């Protein structure tokens, strides 16, 4: 897994998106990827439509939107429906591109 302490100890993935460079639109999806740096591959990914990300991840006082997703298998967090494995992500990308 990632060498991030939060990933290892709390089973949470955290990413920040600068509001100054973020512009949600219908044809844009946000891809958040947890990488196994030792193996050079990704283990878990979240593919979130940018308009959905804009609604759910509010702008903080530092001008960033914070993405926090649980890695626990039984999670009920707000991002679980966008979570993919290395096996399921390619099909989801193709589905989005063909709709």
PDB file of N, CA and C in Angstrom:
ATOM      1  N   UNK A   1       0.837  -1.195   0.000  1.00  0.00           N
ATOM      2  CA  UNK A   1       0.000   0.000   0.000  1.00  0.00           C
ATOM      3  C   UNK A   1       0.872   1.246   0.000  1.00  0.00           C
ATOM      4  N   UNK A   2       0.236   2.349  -0.078  1.00  0.00           N
ATOM      5  CA  UNK A   2       0.936   3.623  -0.054  1.00  0.00           C
ATOM      6  C   UNK A   2       1.707   3.768   1.249  1.00  0.00           C
ATOM      7  N   UNK A   3       2.734   4.572   1.206  1.00  0.00           N
ATOM      8  CA  UNK A   3       3.499   4.804   2.429  1.00  0.00           C
ATOM      9  C   UNK A   3       2.906   5.936   3.265  1.00  0.00           C
ATOM     10  N   UNK A   4       1.751   6.440   2.903  1.00  0.00           N
ATOM     11  CA  UNK A   4       1.076   7.478   3.667  1.00  0.00           C
ATOM     12  C   UNK A   4       0.647   6.925   5.029  1.00  0.00           C
ATOM     13  N   UNK A   5       0.934   7.653   6.069  1.00  0.00           N
ATOM     14  CA  UNK A   5       0.575   7.213   7.418  1.00  0.00           C
ATOM     15  C   UNK A   5      -0.949   7.116   7.566  1.00  0.00           C
ATOM     16  N   UNK A   6      -1.676   8.044   6.976  1.00  0.00           N
ATOM     17  CA  UNK A   6      -3.138   8.027   7.070  1.00  0.00           C
ATOM     18  C   UNK A   6      -3.709   6.784   6.403  1.00  0.00           C
ATOM     19  N   UNK A   7      -3.150   6.389   5.279  1.00  0.00           N
ATOM     20  CA  UNK A   7      -3.604   5.174   4.601  1.00  0.00           C
ATOM     21  C   UNK A   7      -3.308   3.957   5.470  1.00  0.00           C
ATOM     22  N   UNK A   8      -2.111   3.878   6.000  1.00  0.00           N
ATOM     23  CA  UNK A   8      -1.703   2.713   6.790  1.00  0.00           C
ATOM     24  C   UNK A   8      -2.438   2.598   8.115  1.00  0.00           C
ATOM     25  N   UNK A   9      -2.597   3.697   8.822  1.00  0.00           N
ATOM     26  CA  UNK A   9      -3.150   3.620  10.173  1.00  0.00           C
ATOM     27  C   UNK A   9      -4.659   3.829  10.248  1.00  0.00           C
ATOM     28  N   UNK A  10      -5.206   4.677   9.403  1.00  0.00           N
ATOM     29  CA  UNK A  10      -6.633   4.996   9.489  1.00  0.00           C
ATOM     30  C   UNK A  10      -7.449   4.466   8.315  1.00  0.00           C
ATOM     31  N   UNK A  11      -6.785   3.858   7.348  1.00  0.00           N
ATOM     32  CA  UNK A  11      -7.441   3.334   6.152  1.00  0.00           C
ATOM     33  C   UNK A  11      -8.300   4.408   5.473  1.00  0.00           C
ATOM     34  N   UNK A  12      -7.683   5.581   5.311  1.00  0.00           N
ATOM     35  CA  UNK A  12      -8.337   6.685   4.612  1.00  0.00           C
ATOM     36  C   UNK A  12      -7.395   7.262   3.579  1.00  0.00           C
ATOM     37  N   UNK A  13      -7.978   7.608   2.430  1.00  0.00           N
ATOM     38  CA  UNK A  13      -7.239   8.258   1.358  1.00  0.00           C
ATOM     39  C   UNK A  13      -7.646   9.723   1.353  1.00  0.00           C
ATOM     40  N   UNK A  14      -6.665  10.626   1.307  1.00  0.00           N
ATOM     41  CA  UNK A  14      -6.946  12.059   1.330  1.00  0.00           C
ATOM     42  C   UNK A  14      -6.244  12.734   0.165  1.00  0.00           C
ATOM     43  N   UNK A  15      -6.966  13.604  -0.522  1.00  0.00           N
ATOM     44  CA  UNK A  15      -6.388  14.396  -1.603  1.00  0.00           C
ATOM     45  C   UNK A  15      -6.990  15.796  -1.547  1.00  0.00           C
ATOM     46  N   UNK A  16      -6.240  16.756  -2.020  1.00  0.00           N
ATOM     47  CA  UNK A  16      -6.691  18.146  -2.047  1.00  0.00           C
ATOM     48  C   UNK A  16      -6.759  18.636  -3.486  1.00  0.00           C
ATOM     49  N   UNK A  17      -7.764  19.448  -3.779  1.00  0.00           N
ATOM     50  CA  UNK A  17      -7.933  20.046  -5.100  1.00  0.00           C
ATOM     51  C   UNK A  17      -8.045  21.549  -4.909  1.00  0.00           C
ATOM     52  N   UNK A  18      -7.169  22.284  -5.568  1.00  0.00           N
ATOM     53  CA  UNK A  18      -7.184  23.743  -5.452  1.00  0.00           C
ATOM     54  C   UNK A  18      -8.405  24.314  -6.160  1.00  0.00           C
ATOM     55  N   UNK A  19      -9.168  25.109  -5.468  1.00  0.00           N
ATOM     56  CA  UNK A  19     -10.360  25.737  -6.034  1.00  0.00           C
ATOM     57  C   UNK A  19      -9.995  26.673  -7.187  1.00  0.00           C
ATOM     58  N   UNK A  20      -8.824  27.290  -7.112  1.00  0.00           N
ATOM     59  CA  UNK A  20      -8.393  28.243  -8.146  1.00  0.00           C
ATOM     60  C   UNK A  20      -8.234  27.582  -9.508  1.00  0.00           C
ATOM     61  N   UNK A  21      -7.977  26.284  -9.537  1.00  0.00           N
ATOM     62  CA  UNK A  21      -7.774  25.594 -10.814  1.00  0.00           C
ATOM     63  C   UNK A  21      -8.883  24.592 -11.132  1.00  0.00           C
ATOM     64  N   UNK A  22      -9.885  24.509 -10.282  1.00  0.00           N
ATOM     65  CA  UNK A  22     -10.963  23.540 -10.453  1.00  0.00           C
ATOM     66  C   UNK A  22     -12.170  24.205 -11.105  1.00  0.00           C
ATOM     67  N   UNK A  23     -12.627  23.627 -12.208  1.00  0.00           N
ATOM     68  CA  UNK A  23     -13.819  24.126 -12.900  1.00  0.00           C
ATOM     69  C   UNK A  23     -14.688  22.930 -13.285  1.00  0.00           C
ATOM     70  N   UNK A  24     -15.720  22.655 -12.497  1.00  0.00           N
ATOM     71  CA  UNK A  24     -16.555  21.493 -12.794  1.00  0.00           C
ATOM     72  C   UNK A  24     -17.322  21.679 -14.099  1.00  0.00           C
ATOM     73  N   UNK A  25     -17.495  20.565 -14.817  1.00  0.00           N
ATOM     74  CA  UNK A  25     -18.295  20.579 -16.037  1.00  0.00           C
ATOM     75  C   UNK A  25     -18.754  19.157 -16.333  1.00  0.00           C
ATOM     76  N   UNK A  26     -19.744  19.035 -17.160  1.00  0.00           N
ATOM     77  CA  UNK A  26     -20.379  17.734 -17.422  1.00  0.00           C
ATOM     78  C   UNK A  26     -19.427  16.716 -18.030  1.00  0.00           C
ATOM     79  N   UNK A  27     -18.442  17.160 -18.788  1.00  0.00           N
ATOM     80  CA  UNK A  27     -17.539  16.218 -19.470  1.00  0.00           C
ATOM     81  C   UNK A  27     -16.208  16.008 -18.742  1.00  0.00           C
ATOM     82  N   UNK A  28     -16.174  16.287 -17.449  1.00  0.00           N
ATOM     83  CA  UNK A  28     -14.947  16.142 -16.669  1.00  0.00           C
ATOM     84  C   UNK A  28     -15.188  15.253 -15.461  1.00  0.00           C
ATOM     85  N   UNK A  29     -14.287  14.306 -15.234  1.00  0.00           N
ATOM     86  CA  UNK A  29     -14.334  13.465 -14.043  1.00  0.00           C
ATOM     87  C   UNK A  29     -13.016  13.611 -13.292  1.00  0.00           C
ATOM     88  N   UNK A  30     -13.094  13.515 -11.988  1.00  0.00           N
ATOM     89  CA  UNK A  30     -11.923  13.598 -11.128  1.00  0.00           C
ATOM     90  C   UNK A  30     -11.467  12.168 -10.835  1.00  0.00           C
ATOM     91  N   UNK A  31     -10.204  11.893 -11.059  1.00  0.00           N
ATOM     92  CA  UNK A  31      -9.648  10.572 -10.797  1.00  0.00           C
ATOM     93  C   UNK A  31      -8.679  10.663  -9.632  1.00  0.00           C
ATOM     94  N   UNK A  32      -9.014   9.989  -8.554  1.00  0.00           N
ATOM     95  CA  UNK A  32      -8.161   9.926  -7.370  1.00  0.00           C
ATOM     96  C   UNK A  32      -7.636   8.499  -7.294  1.00  0.00           C
ATOM     97  N   UNK A  33      -6.326   8.344  -7.167  1.00  0.00           N
ATOM     98  CA  UNK A  33      -5.707   7.023  -7.266  1.00  0.00           C
ATOM     99  C   UNK A  33      -4.802   6.759  -6.068  1.00  0.00           C
ATOM    100  N   UNK A  34      -5.001   5.601  -5.464  1.00  0.00           N
ATOM    101  CA  UNK A  34      -4.117   5.128  -4.399  1.00  0.00           C
ATOM    102  C   UNK A  34      -3.124   4.170  -5.038  1.00  0.00           C
ATOM    103  N   UNK A  35      -1.855   4.489  -4.957  1.00  0.00           N
ATOM    104  CA  UNK A  35      -0.820   3.685  -5.603  1.00  0.00           C
ATOM    105  C   UNK A  35      -0.020   2.878  -4.599  1.00  0.00           C
ATOM    106  N   UNK A  36       0.336   1.697  -5.002  1.00  0.00           N
ATOM    107  CA  UNK A  36       1.295   0.883  -4.263  1.00  0.00           C
ATOM    108  C   UNK A  36       2.652   1.266  -4.846  1.00  0.00           C
ATOM    109  N   UNK A  37       3.374   2.130  -4.152  1.00  0.00           N
ATOM    110  CA  UNK A  37       4.614   2.678  -4.704  1.00  0.00           C
ATOM    111  C   UNK A  37       5.700   1.614  -4.859  1.00  0.00           C
ATOM    112  N   UNK A  38       5.699   0.620  -4.021  1.00  0.00           N
ATOM    113  CA  UNK A  38       6.707  -0.438  -4.117  1.00  0.00           C
ATOM    114  C   UNK A  38       6.503  -1.289  -5.374  1.00  0.00           C
ATOM    115  N   UNK A  39       5.253  -1.541  -5.720  1.00  0.00           N
ATOM    116  CA  UNK A  39       4.948  -2.367  -6.892  1.00  0.00           C
ATOM    117  C   UNK A  39       4.763  -1.555  -8.172  1.00  0.00           C
ATOM    118  N   UNK A  40       4.596  -0.256  -8.034  1.00  0.00           N
ATOM    119  CA  UNK A  40       4.391   0.601  -9.197  1.00  0.00           C
ATOM    120  C   UNK A  40       3.056   0.385  -9.869  1.00  0.00           C
ATOM    121  N   UNK A  41       2.019   0.178  -9.071  1.00  0.00           N
ATOM    122  CA  UNK A  41       0.679  -0.020  -9.625  1.00  0.00           C
ATOM    123  C   UNK A  41      -0.349   0.605  -8.696  1.00  0.00           C
ATOM    124  N   UNK A  42      -1.544   0.820  -9.227  1.00  0.00           N
ATOM    125  CA  UNK A  42      -2.572   1.368  -8.363  1.00  0.00           C
ATOM    126  C   UNK A  42      -3.428   0.246  -7.792  1.00  0.00           C
ATOM    127  N   UNK A  43      -3.959   0.491  -6.615  1.00  0.00           N
ATOM    128  CA  UNK A  43      -4.754  -0.519  -5.932  1.00  0.00           C
ATOM    129  C   UNK A  43      -6.226  -0.143  -5.887  1.00  0.00           C
ATOM    130  N   UNK A  44      -6.495   1.120  -5.651  1.00  0.00           N
ATOM    131  CA  UNK A  44      -7.856   1.618  -5.538  1.00  0.00           C
ATOM    132  C   UNK A  44      -7.923   2.970  -6.217  1.00  0.00           C
ATOM    133  N   UNK A  45      -9.059   3.241  -6.839  1.00  0.00           N
ATOM    134  CA  UNK A  45      -9.254   4.534  -7.491  1.00  0.00           C
ATOM    135  C   UNK A  45     -10.702   4.971  -7.318  1.00  0.00           C
ATOM    136  N   UNK A  46     -10.900   6.265  -7.351  1.00  0.00           N
ATOM    137  CA  UNK A  46     -12.233   6.847  -7.308  1.00  0.00           C
ATOM    138  C   UNK A  46     -12.376   7.715  -8.548  1.00  0.00           C
ATOM    139  N   UNK A  47     -13.405   7.476  -9.339  1.00  0.00           N
ATOM    140  CA  UNK A  47     -13.683   8.252 -10.541  1.00  0.00           C
ATOM    141  C   UNK A  47     -14.979   9.001 -10.281  1.00  0.00           C
ATOM    142  N   UNK A  48     -14.846  10.295  -9.994  1.00  0.00           N
ATOM    143  CA  UNK A  48     -15.974  11.105  -9.544  1.00  0.00           C
ATOM    144  C   UNK A  48     -16.295  12.174 -10.590  1.00  0.00           C
ATOM    145  N   UNK A  49     -17.541  12.231 -11.078  1.00  0.00           N
ATOM    146  CA  UNK A  49     -17.902  13.328 -11.981  1.00  0.00           C
ATOM    147  C   UNK A  49     -17.608  14.664 -11.299  1.00  0.00           C
ATOM    148  N   UNK A  50     -17.014  15.586 -12.030  1.00  0.00           N
ATOM    149  CA  UNK A  50     -16.571  16.840 -11.405  1.00  0.00           C
ATOM    150  C   UNK A  50     -17.724  17.646 -10.813  1.00  0.00           C
ATOM    151  N   UNK A  51     -18.888  17.574 -11.425  1.00  0.00           N
ATOM    152  CA  UNK A  51     -20.034  18.309 -10.867  1.00  0.00           C
ATOM    153  C   UNK A  51     -20.477  17.693  -9.538  1.00  0.00           C
ATOM    154  N   UNK A  52     -20.374  16.390  -9.421  1.00  0.00           N
ATOM    155  CA  UNK A  52     -20.679  15.704  -8.164  1.00  0.00           C
ATOM    156  C   UNK A  52     -19.632  16.059  -7.112  1.00  0.00           C
ATOM    157  N   UNK A  53     -18.371  16.092  -7.518  1.00  0.00           N
ATOM    158  CA  UNK A  53     -17.299  16.483  -6.598  1.00  0.00           C
ATOM    159  C   UNK A  53     -17.534  17.902  -6.084  1.00  0.00           C
ATOM    160  N   UNK A  54     -17.937  18.797  -6.966  1.00  0.00           N
ATOM    161  CA  UNK A  54     -18.186  20.192  -6.572  1.00  0.00           C
ATOM    162  C   UNK A  54     -19.303  20.288  -5.534  1.00  0.00           C
ATOM    163  N   UNK A  55     -20.321  19.459  -5.660  1.00  0.00           N
ATOM    164  CA  UNK A  55     -21.438  19.467  -4.707  1.00  0.00           C
ATOM    165  C   UNK A  55     -21.055  18.892  -3.345  1.00  0.00           C
ATOM    166  N   UNK A  56     -20.246  17.854  -3.363  1.00  0.00           N
ATOM    167  CA  UNK A  56     -19.947  17.124  -2.125  1.00  0.00           C
ATOM    168  C   UNK A  56     -18.716  17.623  -1.377  1.00  0.00           C
ATOM    169  N   UNK A  57     -17.725  18.114  -2.081  1.00  0.00           N
ATOM    170  CA  UNK A  57     -16.477  18.566  -1.445  1.00  0.00           C
ATOM    171  C   UNK A  57     -16.491  20.094  -1.394  1.00  0.00           C
ATOM    172  N   UNK A  58     -16.828  20.629  -0.273  1.00  0.00           N
ATOM    173  CA  UNK A  58     -16.955  22.077  -0.116  1.00  0.00           C
ATOM    174  C   UNK A  58     -15.588  22.761  -0.047  1.00  0.00           C
ATOM    175  N   UNK A  59     -15.559  24.017  -0.447  1.00  0.00           N
ATOM    176  CA  UNK A  59     -14.320  24.800  -0.412  1.00  0.00           C
ATOM    177  C   UNK A  59     -13.989  25.145   1.037  1.00  0.00           C
ATOM    178  N   UNK A  60     -12.768  24.850   1.423  1.00  0.00           N
ATOM    179  CA  UNK A  60     -12.306  25.159   2.778  1.00  0.00           C
ATOM    180  C   UNK A  60     -11.730  26.567   2.830  1.00  0.00           C
ATOM    181  N   UNK A  61     -11.421  27.027   4.015  1.00  0.00           N
ATOM    182  CA  UNK A  61     -10.887  28.381   4.185  1.00  0.00           C
ATOM    183  C   UNK A  61      -9.530  28.570   3.507  1.00  0.00           C
ATOM    184  N   UNK A  62      -8.805  27.477   3.258  1.00  0.00           N
ATOM    185  CA  UNK A  62      -7.509  27.589   2.591  1.00  0.00           C
ATOM    186  C   UNK A  62      -7.635  27.564   1.063  1.00  0.00           C
ATOM    187  N   UNK A  63      -8.877  27.587   0.545  1.00  0.00           N
ATOM    188  CA  UNK A  63      -9.091  27.632  -0.890  1.00  0.00           C
ATOM    189  C   UNK A  63      -8.962  26.287  -1.581  1.00  0.00           C
ATOM    190  N   UNK A  64      -9.101  25.204  -0.812  1.00  0.00           N
ATOM    191  CA  UNK A  64      -8.992  23.857  -1.379  1.00  0.00           C
ATOM    192  C   UNK A  64     -10.226  23.038  -1.047  1.00  0.00           C
ATOM    193  N   UNK A  65     -10.489  22.081  -1.913  1.00  0.00           N
ATOM    194  CA  UNK A  65     -11.525  21.089  -1.647  1.00  0.00           C
ATOM    195  C   UNK A  65     -10.806  19.823  -1.194  1.00  0.00           C
ATOM    196  N   UNK A  66     -11.307  19.202  -0.144  1.00  0.00           N
ATOM    197  CA  UNK A  66     -10.647  18.031   0.449  1.00  0.00           C
ATOM    198  C   UNK A  66     -11.442  16.767   0.127  1.00  0.00           C
ATOM    199  N   UNK A  67     -10.782  15.811  -0.471  1.00  0.00           N
ATOM    200  CA  UNK A  67     -11.371  14.513  -0.777  1.00  0.00           C
ATOM    201  C   UNK A  67     -10.860  13.526   0.258  1.00  0.00           C
ATOM    202  N   UNK A  68     -11.772  12.946   1.036  1.00  0.00           N
ATOM    203  CA  UNK A  68     -11.399  11.958   2.047  1.00  0.00           C
ATOM    204  C   UNK A  68     -12.292  10.744   1.850  1.00  0.00           C
ATOM    205  N   UNK A  69     -11.689   9.608   1.517  1.00  0.00           N
ATOM    206  CA  UNK A  69     -12.445   8.387   1.262  1.00  0.00           C
ATOM    207  C   UNK A  69     -11.895   7.241   2.096  1.00  0.00           C
ATOM    208  N   UNK A  70     -12.804   6.446   2.602  1.00  0.00           N
ATOM    209  CA  UNK A  70     -12.423   5.287   3.392  1.00  0.00           C
ATOM    210  C   UNK A  70     -12.002   4.132   2.487  1.00  0.00           C
ATOM    211  N   UNK A  71     -11.029   3.377   2.959  1.00  0.00           N
ATOM    212  CA  UNK A  71     -10.588   2.175   2.255  1.00  0.00           C
ATOM    213  C   UNK A  71     -11.215   0.913   2.842  1.00  0.00           C
ATOM    214  N   UNK A  72     -11.981   1.065   3.891  1.00  0.00           N
ATOM    215  CA  UNK A  72     -12.585  -0.093   4.546  1.00  0.00           C
ATOM    216  C   UNK A  72     -13.628  -0.730   3.625  1.00  0.00           C
ATOM    217  N   UNK A  73     -13.643  -2.061   3.549  1.00  0.00           N
ATOM    218  CA  UNK A  73     -14.564  -2.741   2.636  1.00  0.00           C
ATOM    219  C   UNK A  73     -16.039  -2.467   2.931  1.00  0.00           C
ATOM    220  N   UNK A  74     -16.390  -2.266   4.185  1.00  0.00           N
ATOM    221  CA  UNK A  74     -17.791  -2.067   4.563  1.00  0.00           C
ATOM    222  C   UNK A  74     -18.171  -0.599   4.755  1.00  0.00           C
ATOM    223  N   UNK A  75     -17.390   0.314   4.189  1.00  0.00           N
ATOM    224  CA  UNK A  75     -17.648   1.732   4.376  1.00  0.00           C
ATOM    225  C   UNK A  75     -18.982   2.156   3.761  1.00  0.00           C
ATOM    226  N   UNK A  76     -19.531   3.184   4.321  1.00  0.00           N
ATOM    227  CA  UNK A  76     -20.735   3.795   3.781  1.00  0.00           C
ATOM    228  C   UNK A  76     -20.475   5.289   3.537  1.00  0.00           C
ATOM    229  N   UNK A  77     -19.208   5.635   3.288  1.00  0.00           N
ATOM    230  CA  UNK A  77     -18.874   7.044   3.085  1.00  0.00           C
ATOM    231  C   UNK A  77     -19.469   7.548   1.769  1.00  0.00           C
ATOM    232  N   UNK A  78     -19.437   8.853   1.590  1.00  0.00           N
ATOM    233  CA  UNK A  78     -20.092   9.471   0.434  1.00  0.00           C
ATOM    234  C   UNK A  78     -19.424   9.154  -0.902  1.00  0.00           C
ATOM    235  N   UNK A  79     -18.235   8.598  -0.885  1.00  0.00           N
ATOM    236  CA  UNK A  79     -17.506   8.333  -2.118  1.00  0.00           C
ATOM    237  C   UNK A  79     -17.504   6.863  -2.528  1.00  0.00           C
ATOM    238  N   UNK A  80     -18.055   5.986  -1.736  1.00  0.00           N
ATOM    239  CA  UNK A  80     -17.957   4.549  -1.995  1.00  0.00           C
ATOM    240  C   UNK A  80     -18.550   4.151  -3.348  1.00  0.00           C
ATOM    241  N   UNK A  81     -19.563   4.818  -3.805  1.00  0.00           N
ATOM    242  CA  UNK A  81     -20.178   4.444  -5.089  1.00  0.00           C
ATOM    243  C   UNK A  81     -19.283   4.774  -6.283  1.00  0.00           C
ATOM    244  N   UNK A  82     -18.234   5.556  -6.063  1.00  0.00           N
ATOM    245  CA  UNK A  82     -17.295   5.933  -7.122  1.00  0.00           C
ATOM    246  C   UNK A  82     -15.983   5.146  -7.050  1.00  0.00           C
ATOM    247  N   UNK A  83     -15.868   4.244  -6.087  1.00  0.00           N
ATOM    248  CA  UNK A  83     -14.632   3.505  -5.847  1.00  0.00           C
ATOM    249  C   UNK A  83     -14.495   2.338  -6.816  1.00  0.00           C
ATOM    250  N   UNK A  84     -13.258   2.145  -7.300  1.00  0.00           N
ATOM    251  CA  UNK A  84     -12.974   1.070  -8.249  1.00  0.00           C
ATOM    252  C   UNK A  84     -11.653   0.399  -7.910  1.00  0.00           C
ATOM    253  N   UNK A  85     -11.553  -0.841  -8.329  1.00  0.00           N
ATOM    254  CA  UNK A  85     -10.293  -1.573  -8.228  1.00  0.00           C
ATOM    255  C   UNK A  85      -9.582  -1.457  -9.572  1.00  0.00           C
ATOM    256  N   UNK A  86      -8.382  -1.985  -9.628  1.00  0.00           N
ATOM    257  CA  UNK A  86      -7.647  -1.999 -10.895  1.00  0.00           C
ATOM    258  C   UNK A  86      -8.417  -2.791 -11.948  1.00  0.00           C
ATOM    259  N   UNK A  87      -9.187  -3.769 -11.527  1.00  0.00           N
ATOM    260  CA  UNK A  87      -9.952  -4.599 -12.469  1.00  0.00           C
ATOM    261  C   UNK A  87     -11.209  -3.904 -12.989  1.00  0.00           C
ATOM    262  N   UNK A  88     -11.839  -3.046 -12.175  1.00  0.00           N
ATOM    263  CA  UNK A  88     -13.116  -2.436 -12.585  1.00  0.00           C
ATOM    264  C   UNK A  88     -12.989  -1.043 -13.198  1.00  0.00           C
ATOM    265  N   UNK A  89     -11.887  -0.368 -12.951  1.00  0.00           N
ATOM    266  CA  UNK A  89     -11.743   1.008 -13.447  1.00  0.00           C
ATOM    267  C   UNK A  89     -11.757   1.122 -14.970  1.00  0.00           C
ATOM    268  N   UNK A  90     -11.043   0.292 -15.711  1.00  0.00           N
ATOM    269  CA  UNK A  90     -11.065   0.445 -17.173  1.00  0.00           C
ATOM    270  C   UNK A  90     -12.469   0.366 -17.775  1.00  0.00           C
ATOM    271  N   UNK A  91     -13.291  -0.558 -17.299  1.00  0.00           N
ATOM    272  CA  UNK A  91     -14.659  -0.683 -17.807  1.00  0.00           C
ATOM    273  C   UNK A  91     -15.482   0.549 -17.481  1.00  0.00           C
ATOM    274  N   UNK A  92     -15.277   1.129 -16.311  1.00  0.00           N
ATOM    275  CA  UNK A  92     -16.011   2.338 -15.932  1.00  0.00           C
ATOM    276  C   UNK A  92     -15.601   3.520 -16.799  1.00  0.00           C
ATOM    277  N   UNK A  93     -14.329   3.631 -17.102  1.00  0.00           N
ATOM    278  CA  UNK A  93     -13.861   4.698 -17.991  1.00  0.00           C
ATOM    279  C   UNK A  93     -14.487   4.546 -19.374  1.00  0.00           C
ATOM    280  N   UNK A  94     -14.501   3.335 -19.891  1.00  0.00           N
ATOM    281  CA  UNK A  94     -15.128   3.089 -21.194  1.00  0.00           C
ATOM    282  C   UNK A  94     -16.625   3.389 -21.175  1.00  0.00           C
ATOM    283  N   UNK A  95     -17.288   3.040 -20.090  1.00  0.00           N
ATOM    284  CA  UNK A  95     -18.723   3.326 -19.960  1.00  0.00           C
ATOM    285  C   UNK A  95     -18.983   4.824 -20.030  1.00  0.00           C
ATOM    286  N   UNK A  96     -18.178   5.597 -19.322  1.00  0.00           N
ATOM    287  CA  UNK A  96     -18.338   7.050 -19.315  1.00  0.00           C
ATOM    288  C   UNK A  96     -18.054   7.633 -20.707  1.00  0.00           C
ATOM    289  N   UNK A  97     -17.048   7.139 -21.356  1.00  0.00           N
ATOM    290  CA  UNK A  97     -16.679   7.664 -22.679  1.00  0.00           C
ATOM    291  C   UNK A  97     -17.705   7.334 -23.755  1.00  0.00           C
ATOM    292  N   UNK A  98     -18.462   6.288 -23.572  1.00  0.00           N
ATOM    293  CA  UNK A  98     -19.434   5.888 -24.590  1.00  0.00           C
ATOM    294  C   UNK A  98     -20.863   6.348 -24.299  1.00  0.00           C
ATOM    295  N   UNK A  99     -21.066   7.060 -23.210  1.00  0.00           N
ATOM    296  CA  UNK A  99     -22.424   7.558 -22.902  1.00  0.00           C
ATOM    297  C   UNK A  99     -22.539   9.027 -23.206  1.00  0.00           C
TER     298      UNK A  99
END
